[in-house]
Protein backbone atom coordinates (compact mmCIF):
# COMPACT_ATOMS: atom_id res chain seq x y z
CA MET A 1 -76.60 36.66 30.44
CA HIS A 2 -77.21 37.65 34.05
CA SER A 3 -74.48 36.90 36.58
CA GLU A 4 -76.91 36.00 39.38
CA HIS A 5 -79.31 33.94 37.25
CA MET A 6 -77.03 31.84 35.03
CA THR A 7 -78.16 28.24 34.42
CA ASP A 8 -75.82 25.26 34.71
CA SER A 9 -75.90 24.85 30.91
CA GLN A 10 -74.62 28.38 30.46
CA TRP A 11 -71.84 27.78 32.89
CA GLN A 12 -70.89 24.57 31.11
CA ASP A 13 -70.94 26.21 27.70
CA LEU A 14 -68.57 29.01 28.89
CA GLU A 15 -66.24 26.50 30.54
CA ALA A 16 -66.22 24.18 27.50
CA GLU A 17 -65.30 27.06 25.20
CA MET A 18 -62.40 28.13 27.40
CA MET A 19 -61.18 24.57 28.00
CA GLY A 20 -60.98 24.03 24.25
CA LEU A 21 -58.47 26.92 24.18
CA VAL A 22 -56.54 25.37 27.12
CA ASN A 23 -56.38 21.92 25.63
CA THR A 24 -55.14 23.34 22.28
CA ALA A 25 -52.33 25.26 23.97
CA MET A 26 -51.38 22.26 26.10
CA GLN A 27 -50.58 20.23 22.96
CA SER A 28 -47.26 22.15 22.93
CA THR A 29 -44.64 21.27 25.50
CA PRO A 30 -42.04 23.77 26.89
CA HIS A 31 -39.49 22.38 24.42
CA THR A 32 -41.70 22.84 21.33
CA ARG A 33 -43.95 25.78 22.23
CA GLU A 34 -41.88 28.46 20.51
CA LEU A 35 -41.44 26.44 17.32
CA ASP A 36 -45.18 25.67 17.25
CA ALA A 37 -45.90 29.36 17.69
CA ILE A 38 -43.64 30.34 14.78
CA GLN A 39 -45.48 27.87 12.58
CA GLU A 40 -48.73 29.52 13.60
CA GLY A 41 -47.50 32.90 12.40
CA TYR A 42 -45.82 34.39 15.50
CA HIS A 43 -42.42 36.01 15.31
CA LEU A 44 -40.01 37.16 17.96
CA THR A 45 -40.25 40.87 18.61
CA SER A 46 -38.50 41.36 21.97
CA GLU A 47 -36.21 39.53 24.35
CA LYS A 48 -35.21 41.20 27.60
CA ARG A 49 -35.39 40.51 31.34
CA ASN A 50 -35.52 36.79 30.63
CA ILE A 51 -38.85 37.19 28.72
CA ARG A 52 -39.29 36.37 25.08
CA VAL A 53 -42.24 38.16 23.47
CA LEU A 54 -43.68 36.87 20.21
CA VAL A 55 -46.28 38.77 18.20
CA LYS A 56 -48.73 37.80 15.45
CA LYS A 57 -50.93 40.13 13.39
CA SER A 58 -54.58 39.48 13.84
CA PRO A 59 -56.49 38.72 10.60
CA THR A 60 -59.59 40.57 11.74
CA SER A 61 -58.19 43.50 13.75
CA ALA A 62 -55.34 46.00 13.84
CA PHE A 63 -54.51 44.90 17.36
CA HIS A 64 -51.83 42.27 17.64
CA GLU A 65 -51.86 38.86 19.37
CA PHE A 66 -49.03 38.26 21.86
CA LEU A 67 -47.25 35.32 23.39
CA ALA A 68 -44.76 35.77 26.29
CA LEU A 69 -42.44 32.95 27.30
CA ARG A 70 -40.09 32.91 30.30
CA ARG A 71 -38.65 30.75 33.00
CA ASN A 72 -40.70 31.26 36.13
CA PRO A 73 -38.66 31.58 39.35
CA LEU A 74 -41.74 30.84 41.44
CA SER A 75 -42.93 27.38 42.26
CA LEU A 76 -46.46 26.27 41.38
CA ASP A 77 -47.50 26.63 45.00
CA ASP A 78 -46.12 30.19 45.18
CA TYR A 79 -47.77 31.16 41.93
CA MET A 80 -51.05 29.68 43.17
CA GLU A 81 -50.73 31.72 46.39
CA LEU A 82 -50.35 34.93 44.41
CA SER A 83 -52.89 34.28 41.65
CA TYR A 84 -55.84 32.51 43.23
CA CYS A 85 -58.66 34.93 44.10
CA ASP A 86 -62.16 33.68 44.88
CA THR A 87 -63.41 36.63 46.92
CA THR A 88 -63.71 40.37 46.18
CA ASP A 89 -61.30 41.32 48.92
CA ALA A 90 -58.63 38.92 47.68
CA LEU A 91 -59.10 40.09 44.03
CA ARG A 92 -58.81 43.76 45.05
CA ALA A 93 -55.69 43.16 47.07
CA GLN A 94 -54.08 41.29 44.21
CA GLN A 95 -55.04 43.86 41.56
CA ALA A 96 -53.69 46.68 43.78
CA LEU A 97 -50.33 44.94 43.77
CA PHE A 98 -50.44 44.63 40.02
CA TYR A 99 -51.73 48.08 39.00
CA ARG A 100 -51.27 50.20 42.16
CA ASP A 101 -52.95 53.65 41.60
CA ASN A 102 -54.22 52.64 38.18
CA LEU A 103 -56.75 50.26 39.79
CA LEU A 104 -60.21 51.82 40.06
CA ASN A 105 -62.34 48.82 41.06
CA ALA A 106 -62.42 45.02 41.10
CA MET A 107 -65.09 42.53 42.14
CA VAL A 108 -65.95 38.81 42.07
CA LEU A 109 -69.44 38.84 40.58
CA ALA A 110 -70.13 35.12 40.86
CA ALA A 111 -68.14 32.07 42.06
CA HIS A 112 -69.73 29.00 40.48
CA GLN A 113 -67.07 26.54 41.56
CA THR A 114 -64.11 26.92 43.89
CA ARG A 115 -61.58 24.65 45.50
CA ASP A 116 -62.68 21.09 46.07
CA THR A 117 -60.35 18.33 45.03
CA ASP A 118 -58.41 20.74 42.80
CA PRO A 119 -56.64 23.43 44.99
CA PHE A 120 -56.59 25.87 42.03
CA ARG A 121 -60.14 25.25 40.83
CA PHE A 122 -62.22 28.31 40.06
CA VAL A 123 -65.09 28.95 37.69
CA GLY A 124 -66.80 32.32 37.91
CA LEU A 125 -67.33 35.90 36.74
CA LYS A 126 -65.24 38.87 37.68
CA TYR A 127 -65.14 42.63 37.02
CA LYS A 128 -62.29 45.16 37.03
CA ARG A 129 -61.85 48.79 36.09
CA LEU A 130 -58.43 50.12 35.23
CA ARG A 131 -56.78 53.32 34.13
CA PHE A 132 -54.73 52.48 31.05
CA ALA A 133 -51.59 54.39 31.90
CA ASN A 134 -49.77 55.58 28.81
CA SER A 135 -47.76 58.80 28.93
CA GLY A 136 -49.13 59.51 32.38
CA GLY A 137 -52.55 58.03 31.92
CA VAL A 138 -53.87 60.35 29.25
CA PHE A 139 -56.64 58.00 28.14
CA GLU A 140 -60.03 57.49 29.80
CA PRO A 141 -60.43 54.54 32.22
CA ARG A 142 -61.67 51.17 30.93
CA ASP A 143 -63.55 48.30 32.54
CA THR A 144 -64.58 44.77 31.63
CA THR A 145 -66.64 41.83 32.92
CA TYR A 146 -65.02 38.51 32.19
CA PHE A 147 -65.33 34.79 32.73
CA GLU A 148 -62.47 32.95 34.42
CA VAL A 149 -61.66 29.27 34.76
CA SER A 150 -58.55 27.86 36.39
CA GLY A 151 -57.25 24.52 37.56
CA LEU A 152 -54.46 21.93 37.43
CA ARG A 153 -54.01 19.43 34.56
CA THR A 154 -51.38 17.07 33.17
CA ASN A 155 -50.24 17.40 29.54
CA LYS A 156 -49.40 14.65 27.07
CA ALA A 157 -45.75 14.62 28.24
CA GLY A 158 -46.79 14.00 31.85
CA HIS A 159 -46.01 17.52 33.05
CA ARG A 160 -48.19 19.25 35.65
CA VAL A 161 -49.84 22.34 34.13
CA LEU A 162 -51.49 25.17 36.11
CA PHE A 163 -53.79 27.09 33.78
CA ILE A 164 -55.85 30.34 33.98
CA ALA A 165 -58.15 31.27 31.09
CA ARG A 166 -60.09 34.54 30.96
CA GLU A 167 -62.36 36.10 28.31
CA SER A 168 -64.61 39.15 28.38
CA VAL A 169 -68.36 38.54 28.39
CA ASN A 170 -71.42 40.84 28.26
CA LEU A 171 -73.66 40.79 31.33
CA ASP A 172 -77.09 42.34 31.49
CA ASP A 173 -76.75 43.36 35.15
CA TYR A 174 -73.43 45.12 34.60
CA PRO A 175 -73.92 47.46 31.63
CA PRO A 176 -71.22 49.94 30.57
CA VAL A 177 -70.76 52.95 32.91
CA ASP A 178 -70.79 56.54 31.75
CA HIS A 179 -67.39 57.99 30.98
CA VAL A 180 -65.82 54.51 31.16
CA VAL A 181 -64.99 52.55 27.95
CA ARG A 182 -65.62 48.84 28.06
CA PHE A 183 -62.70 46.86 26.58
CA HIS A 184 -62.48 43.20 25.56
CA PHE A 185 -59.66 40.71 26.07
CA LYS A 186 -58.88 37.02 25.99
CA THR A 187 -55.89 35.58 27.82
CA LEU A 188 -54.46 32.20 28.69
CA ILE A 189 -51.73 31.55 31.28
CA LEU A 190 -49.93 28.20 31.43
CA GLN A 191 -47.48 27.30 34.14
CA THR A 192 -45.85 24.01 33.07
CA HIS A 193 -43.65 22.14 35.53
CA TYR A 194 -41.04 20.09 33.75
CA ASP A 195 -37.54 18.72 34.43
CA ASP A 196 -35.59 21.95 34.03
CA GLY A 197 -37.99 24.17 35.99
CA ILE A 198 -41.29 25.96 35.32
CA GLU A 199 -42.17 27.44 31.96
CA GLU A 200 -44.67 30.32 31.90
CA ALA A 201 -46.60 31.00 28.68
CA VAL A 202 -48.96 33.95 28.44
CA TYR A 203 -51.28 34.30 25.41
CA LEU A 204 -52.95 37.71 25.12
CA ILE A 205 -55.54 39.11 22.68
CA SER A 206 -57.00 42.54 23.61
CA ASN A 207 -59.05 45.28 22.06
CA PRO A 208 -59.27 48.54 24.07
CA LEU A 209 -62.07 50.05 21.92
CA GLY A 210 -62.49 53.81 22.36
CA SER A 211 -60.05 56.26 20.76
CA ILE A 212 -56.69 54.59 21.46
CA PRO A 213 -54.78 54.09 18.14
CA ALA A 214 -53.78 50.55 17.42
CA PHE A 215 -50.03 51.28 17.11
CA VAL A 216 -50.07 52.92 20.60
CA PHE A 217 -52.12 50.18 22.33
CA ASN A 218 -49.98 47.44 20.84
CA LYS A 219 -47.01 48.89 22.69
CA VAL A 220 -49.08 49.23 25.91
CA ALA A 221 -50.20 45.57 25.65
CA GLN A 222 -46.65 44.37 25.03
CA ALA A 223 -45.34 46.33 28.01
CA SER A 224 -48.03 44.78 30.24
CA LEU A 225 -46.54 41.37 29.58
CA TYR A 226 -43.45 42.30 31.56
CA LEU A 227 -45.55 42.60 34.69
CA VAL A 228 -44.90 38.90 35.38
CA ASP A 229 -41.22 39.74 36.01
CA ASP A 230 -42.27 41.47 39.25
CA PHE A 231 -44.30 38.51 40.57
CA PRO A 232 -41.65 37.37 43.11
CA LEU A 233 -41.58 40.86 44.64
CA MET A 234 -45.39 41.09 44.57
CA LEU A 235 -45.63 37.76 46.37
CA GLN A 236 -43.39 39.06 49.11
CA LYS A 237 -45.48 42.22 49.42
CA GLN A 238 -48.70 40.15 49.57
CA ARG A 239 -47.32 38.05 52.44
CA CYS A 240 -46.20 41.17 54.22
CA LEU A 241 -49.69 42.71 53.92
CA HIS A 242 -51.25 39.48 55.23
CA ALA A 243 -48.96 39.58 58.29
CA LEU A 244 -49.59 43.29 58.92
CA ALA A 245 -53.31 42.68 58.88
CA ASN A 246 -52.83 40.71 62.09
CA LEU A 247 -50.23 43.03 63.59
CA ALA A 248 -51.15 45.23 66.50
CA SER A 249 -50.76 48.84 65.56
CA PRO A 250 -47.45 50.11 67.04
CA LYS A 251 -46.90 53.50 68.67
CA LYS A 252 -44.88 55.95 66.68
CA GLN A 253 -41.52 56.01 68.40
CA ALA A 254 -40.86 59.52 67.08
CA GLU A 255 -43.52 60.78 69.42
CA LEU A 256 -41.95 59.03 72.45
CA GLN A 257 -38.33 59.69 71.88
CA LYS A 258 -35.94 61.61 69.59
CA LEU A 259 -34.82 59.32 66.83
CA THR A 260 -31.56 60.20 65.03
CA ALA A 261 -30.89 57.13 62.95
CA CYS A 262 -32.74 54.99 60.39
CA CYS A 263 -34.01 51.75 61.87
CA ALA A 264 -32.93 49.71 58.83
CA CYS A 265 -29.62 51.09 57.52
CA ARG A 266 -28.65 53.07 60.65
CA GLY A 267 -28.01 56.18 58.58
CA LYS A 268 -28.32 59.47 60.41
CA LEU A 269 -31.56 61.35 59.95
CA ARG A 270 -30.78 64.92 59.10
CA ARG A 271 -32.68 67.97 58.01
CA PHE A 272 -32.49 67.00 54.33
CA ARG A 273 -33.00 63.27 54.98
CA THR A 274 -36.72 62.82 55.43
CA ALA A 275 -37.89 60.45 58.10
CA HIS A 276 -40.80 58.03 57.48
CA ASP A 277 -42.67 56.03 60.14
CA CYS A 278 -42.75 52.24 59.71
CA VAL A 279 -46.30 50.92 60.15
CA ALA A 280 -44.94 47.63 61.50
CA CYS A 281 -42.45 48.63 64.25
CA GLY A 282 -43.22 52.31 64.58
CA TYR A 283 -39.61 53.48 64.20
CA ALA A 284 -38.30 56.03 61.75
CA MET A 285 -36.59 55.16 58.51
CA CYS A 286 -34.95 57.07 55.66
CA SER A 287 -36.34 57.26 52.14
CA LYS A 288 -33.93 54.63 50.79
CA CYS A 289 -35.24 52.06 53.22
CA VAL A 290 -38.97 52.56 52.53
CA VAL A 291 -40.92 49.64 51.04
CA SER A 292 -44.27 50.75 49.69
CA LEU A 293 -47.18 48.32 50.12
CA PRO A 294 -50.33 49.19 48.08
CA ARG A 295 -53.43 48.48 50.17
CA VAL A 296 -57.10 48.78 49.25
CA VAL A 297 -59.42 50.90 51.37
CA ARG A 298 -63.16 50.57 50.75
CA GLY A 299 -65.14 53.65 49.88
CA SER A 300 -68.76 54.50 49.50
CA LEU A 301 -70.97 52.91 46.80
CA ASN A 302 -68.69 49.87 46.49
CA SER A 303 -65.74 51.98 45.39
CA LEU A 304 -62.20 51.73 46.55
CA THR A 305 -59.03 53.72 47.09
CA VAL A 306 -55.46 52.46 46.90
CA VAL A 307 -53.23 53.74 49.70
CA HIS A 308 -49.58 52.98 50.25
CA ASP A 309 -48.37 51.74 53.63
CA GLU A 310 -44.68 52.19 54.33
CA VAL A 311 -42.59 49.63 56.15
CA CYS A 312 -38.89 49.46 56.73
CA LYS A 313 -36.73 46.88 54.99
CA ALA A 314 -36.06 45.06 58.21
CA CYS A 315 -39.79 44.39 58.90
CA PHE A 316 -40.36 43.64 55.23
CA SER A 317 -37.62 41.03 55.27
CA LEU A 318 -39.23 39.43 58.34
CA PHE A 319 -42.86 39.34 57.25
CA SER A 320 -42.32 38.65 53.51
CA LYS A 321 -41.00 35.15 54.29
CA GLN A 322 -44.25 33.97 55.96
CA ARG A 323 -46.43 31.94 53.64
CA GLY A 324 -50.14 32.76 53.82
CA SER A 325 -51.90 34.21 56.82
CA ASP A 326 -53.48 32.86 59.97
CA PRO A 327 -56.47 34.91 61.13
CA GLY A 328 -56.10 33.64 64.65
CA VAL A 329 -52.58 35.03 65.13
CA THR A 330 -51.89 38.50 66.47
CA PHE A 331 -48.37 39.91 66.39
CA VAL A 332 -47.34 42.20 69.22
CA LEU A 333 -44.03 44.08 69.71
CA VAL A 334 -42.48 42.86 72.98
CA PRO A 335 -39.60 45.07 74.19
CA GLY A 336 -36.53 43.61 75.81
CA SER A 337 -35.70 40.75 73.37
CA PRO A 338 -32.11 39.83 72.57
CA SER A 339 -30.63 42.28 70.13
CA SER A 340 -29.62 41.00 66.71
CA GLN A 341 -31.49 40.97 63.44
CA CYS A 342 -31.13 41.06 59.69
CA SER A 343 -32.10 43.80 57.29
CA ILE A 344 -32.33 44.14 53.51
CA ASP A 345 -29.74 46.01 51.53
CA SER A 346 -30.47 44.84 48.02
CA TYR A 347 -34.19 45.57 47.76
CA HIS A 348 -35.24 48.17 45.12
CA ASP A 349 -38.72 49.59 44.60
CA GLY A 350 -38.03 51.90 41.75
CA ASP A 351 -37.37 51.41 38.08
CA ASP A 352 -37.88 48.19 36.23
CA ASP A 353 -34.14 47.81 35.72
CA SER A 354 -33.58 47.91 39.45
CA ARG A 355 -35.83 44.91 39.97
CA ASP A 356 -33.72 42.43 38.13
CA SER A 357 -32.30 41.19 41.36
CA ALA A 358 -35.01 40.21 43.81
CA GLY A 359 -32.66 38.52 46.28
CA LEU A 360 -32.38 39.75 49.88
CA ARG A 361 -28.93 40.29 51.36
CA SER A 362 -28.67 40.50 55.11
CA THR A 363 -26.38 42.50 57.37
CA VAL A 364 -25.97 42.29 61.15
CA SER A 365 -26.04 44.92 63.86
CA THR A 366 -26.09 44.57 67.60
CA GLY A 367 -26.82 46.58 70.69
CA ASN A 368 -29.63 48.73 69.30
CA ASP A 369 -33.21 49.36 70.51
CA TYR A 370 -34.45 48.87 66.96
CA ASP A 371 -33.04 45.35 67.01
CA ASP A 372 -34.78 44.56 70.26
CA ASP A 373 -38.25 45.37 68.89
CA HIS A 374 -37.65 43.72 65.50
CA CYS A 375 -36.48 40.55 67.14
CA ALA A 376 -39.42 40.73 69.52
CA LEU A 377 -41.64 40.10 66.51
CA LEU A 378 -39.97 36.67 66.23
CA THR A 379 -40.73 35.78 69.83
CA SER A 380 -44.41 36.65 69.32
CA LEU A 381 -44.96 34.14 66.59
CA PRO A 382 -47.02 31.09 67.56
CA ALA A 383 -45.02 27.93 68.39
CA ASN A 384 -46.88 25.54 66.06
CA GLY A 385 -47.16 24.69 62.38
CA ILE A 386 -45.23 26.54 59.70
CA TYR A 387 -44.71 29.51 61.92
CA ALA A 388 -42.74 27.33 64.36
CA GLN A 389 -40.47 26.11 61.59
CA GLN A 390 -39.85 29.63 60.38
CA HIS A 391 -39.34 30.80 63.98
CA GLU A 392 -36.70 28.10 64.49
CA LYS A 393 -34.94 28.85 61.24
CA MET A 394 -34.84 32.59 62.09
CA ARG A 395 -33.50 31.80 65.59
CA ARG A 396 -30.73 29.66 64.13
CA GLY A 397 -29.86 32.45 61.71
CA ILE A 398 -29.70 34.93 64.53
CA ASP A 399 -27.45 32.69 66.58
CA GLU A 400 -25.11 32.26 63.56
CA GLN A 401 -25.06 35.98 63.05
CA ARG A 402 -24.20 36.55 66.68
CA GLN A 403 -21.25 34.22 66.36
CA LEU A 404 -20.15 35.92 63.21
CA VAL A 405 -20.34 39.35 64.87
CA HIS A 406 -18.37 38.03 67.87
CA GLN A 407 -15.60 36.72 65.57
CA LEU A 408 -15.53 39.98 63.62
CA MET A 409 -15.23 41.93 66.89
CA GLU A 410 -12.31 39.79 68.05
CA GLN A 411 -10.58 40.26 64.73
CA LEU A 412 -11.10 43.98 64.93
CA ASP A 413 -9.65 44.05 68.44
CA VAL A 414 -6.53 42.18 67.29
CA ARG A 415 -6.07 44.55 64.38
CA ARG A 416 -6.54 47.58 66.65
CA LYS A 417 -3.82 46.31 69.05
CA LYS A 418 -1.46 45.74 66.10
CA VAL A 419 -2.12 49.22 64.85
CA HIS A 420 -1.51 50.78 68.34
CA VAL A 421 1.81 48.89 68.66
CA ALA A 422 2.92 50.01 65.21
CA ARG A 423 1.98 53.55 66.02
CA ASP A 424 3.97 53.50 69.26
CA ARG A 425 7.04 52.17 67.53
CA SER A 426 6.82 54.72 64.78
CA SER A 427 6.34 57.59 67.23
CA SER A 428 9.37 56.52 69.34
CA SER A 429 11.57 56.29 66.23
CA LEU A 430 10.34 59.71 65.16
CA LEU A 431 11.23 61.14 68.55
CA ALA A 432 14.71 59.68 68.42
CA CYS A 433 15.32 61.04 64.95
CA SER A 434 14.01 64.46 65.93
CA SER A 435 16.33 64.58 69.00
CA LEU A 436 19.37 63.75 66.87
CA SER A 437 18.46 66.35 64.30
CA ASP A 438 18.01 68.95 67.11
CA GLU A 439 21.55 68.24 68.43
CA ARG A 440 23.10 68.55 65.00
CA SER A 441 21.28 71.76 64.30
CA GLU A 442 22.49 73.23 67.61
CA LYS A 443 26.12 72.44 66.83
CA ILE A 444 25.90 73.88 63.35
CA ALA A 445 24.28 77.05 64.78
CA MET A 446 27.11 77.41 67.31
CA VAL A 447 29.81 77.07 64.63
CA GLU A 448 28.14 79.55 62.37
CA SER A 449 27.73 82.08 65.16
CA CYS A 450 31.42 81.78 66.32
CA PRO A 451 33.64 81.25 63.25
CA PHE A 452 36.81 82.38 65.12
CA MET A 453 36.59 79.19 67.20
CA LEU A 454 37.87 77.38 64.13
CA LEU A 455 41.24 79.15 64.48
CA ASN A 456 41.85 77.61 67.89
CA LEU A 457 41.19 74.12 66.67
CA PRO A 458 44.30 72.05 66.06
CA ASN A 459 45.18 71.34 62.40
CA SER A 460 45.21 67.66 61.70
CA ASP A 461 47.75 68.17 58.91
CA THR A 462 50.32 69.97 61.05
CA PRO A 463 52.32 67.74 63.31
CA SER A 464 52.11 68.56 67.01
CA LYS A 465 55.26 69.73 68.77
């Protein structure tokens, strides 16, 4: 097959083959899927981070077949926003979020059908090259060309199902590259919306070829299934990247003034507390408040490099809530806005265990230049469409936070007055006690220094004449 000269019958044959796999999997509902899988030979091998992984030995290969089940916290619209890629730029940006530095290349080779009446419709060919990272990426990189079909369907129980089916294919115009092993895989992703939420089912069959032992790659393949647990965070990063693409490049405030505090947590920047520049607001932040955003930079000969932009948690909290991107919008920092804004304290960008909680907790601070510029981002948003709604919600949140800060300040003032009054009373009582003790000590000292004075004192037992 040739990606640029495929006939309609070839496209139909590929789609029919993959849709047969989709229709078979859709016969199971979220309530019966695990039982049906056990009857097909799967058995539960792992259950952690709200993901149940089932495995089945392949009758023709030493590499296992996997099925991952979990409750998806994303809505179908959010998952569609993260997963749908019909251009090379969109695919590269998505794969950079998934694989970071392990991504070597990704392309959309042909898009036969895209969105028409189905917002998730895609039929086409894609290519990607990855570095299979195991024990620090000791194995050679691998690539594959694959066919992809996606769309929305309704199963026999009346549930909406979003599906993505992919399978490796051989293309004449994309032969294997030197020093890169071509691997094969087949995967099916089902997002089923039912009464209790959204069930995500991921079927995976993969063969790495090359020199990777089967027992090693089986562990790598199983570990890759836990990537879906990071999808909420990846969606936030994707939205932030879209917003930053339309953001005017700020000036580094460290070059204009001496910055002594982190713009997000307000911690002091010392000699052993490295300062990083936020690419959104230009202010300095500490290492704990850095959010890394993997971004693709095009190179020569259709190659790419993944770089990591650093934003502070305050800007990340602001931009990650904006759905999609509007190419006609330009964000500019406008100084002099009212000061008050929220920042993230519960975001983690480290180990897998630290990502269990993806919620964002906000704190309030006032009277700071950082707050002026961060809130100026809100005033620069356009006053129409979904941005207007988000702008209004953020404004209401800021007003509520101002009232909360005002109440807290009043309570602190009352407590301070009470503490001062208590301190004054305690100090006066201490002075009184100290004066009495001084008088007593003086009298005792006089008596001890002049003992003969006791002789002149009248005896209370002897009657007076």
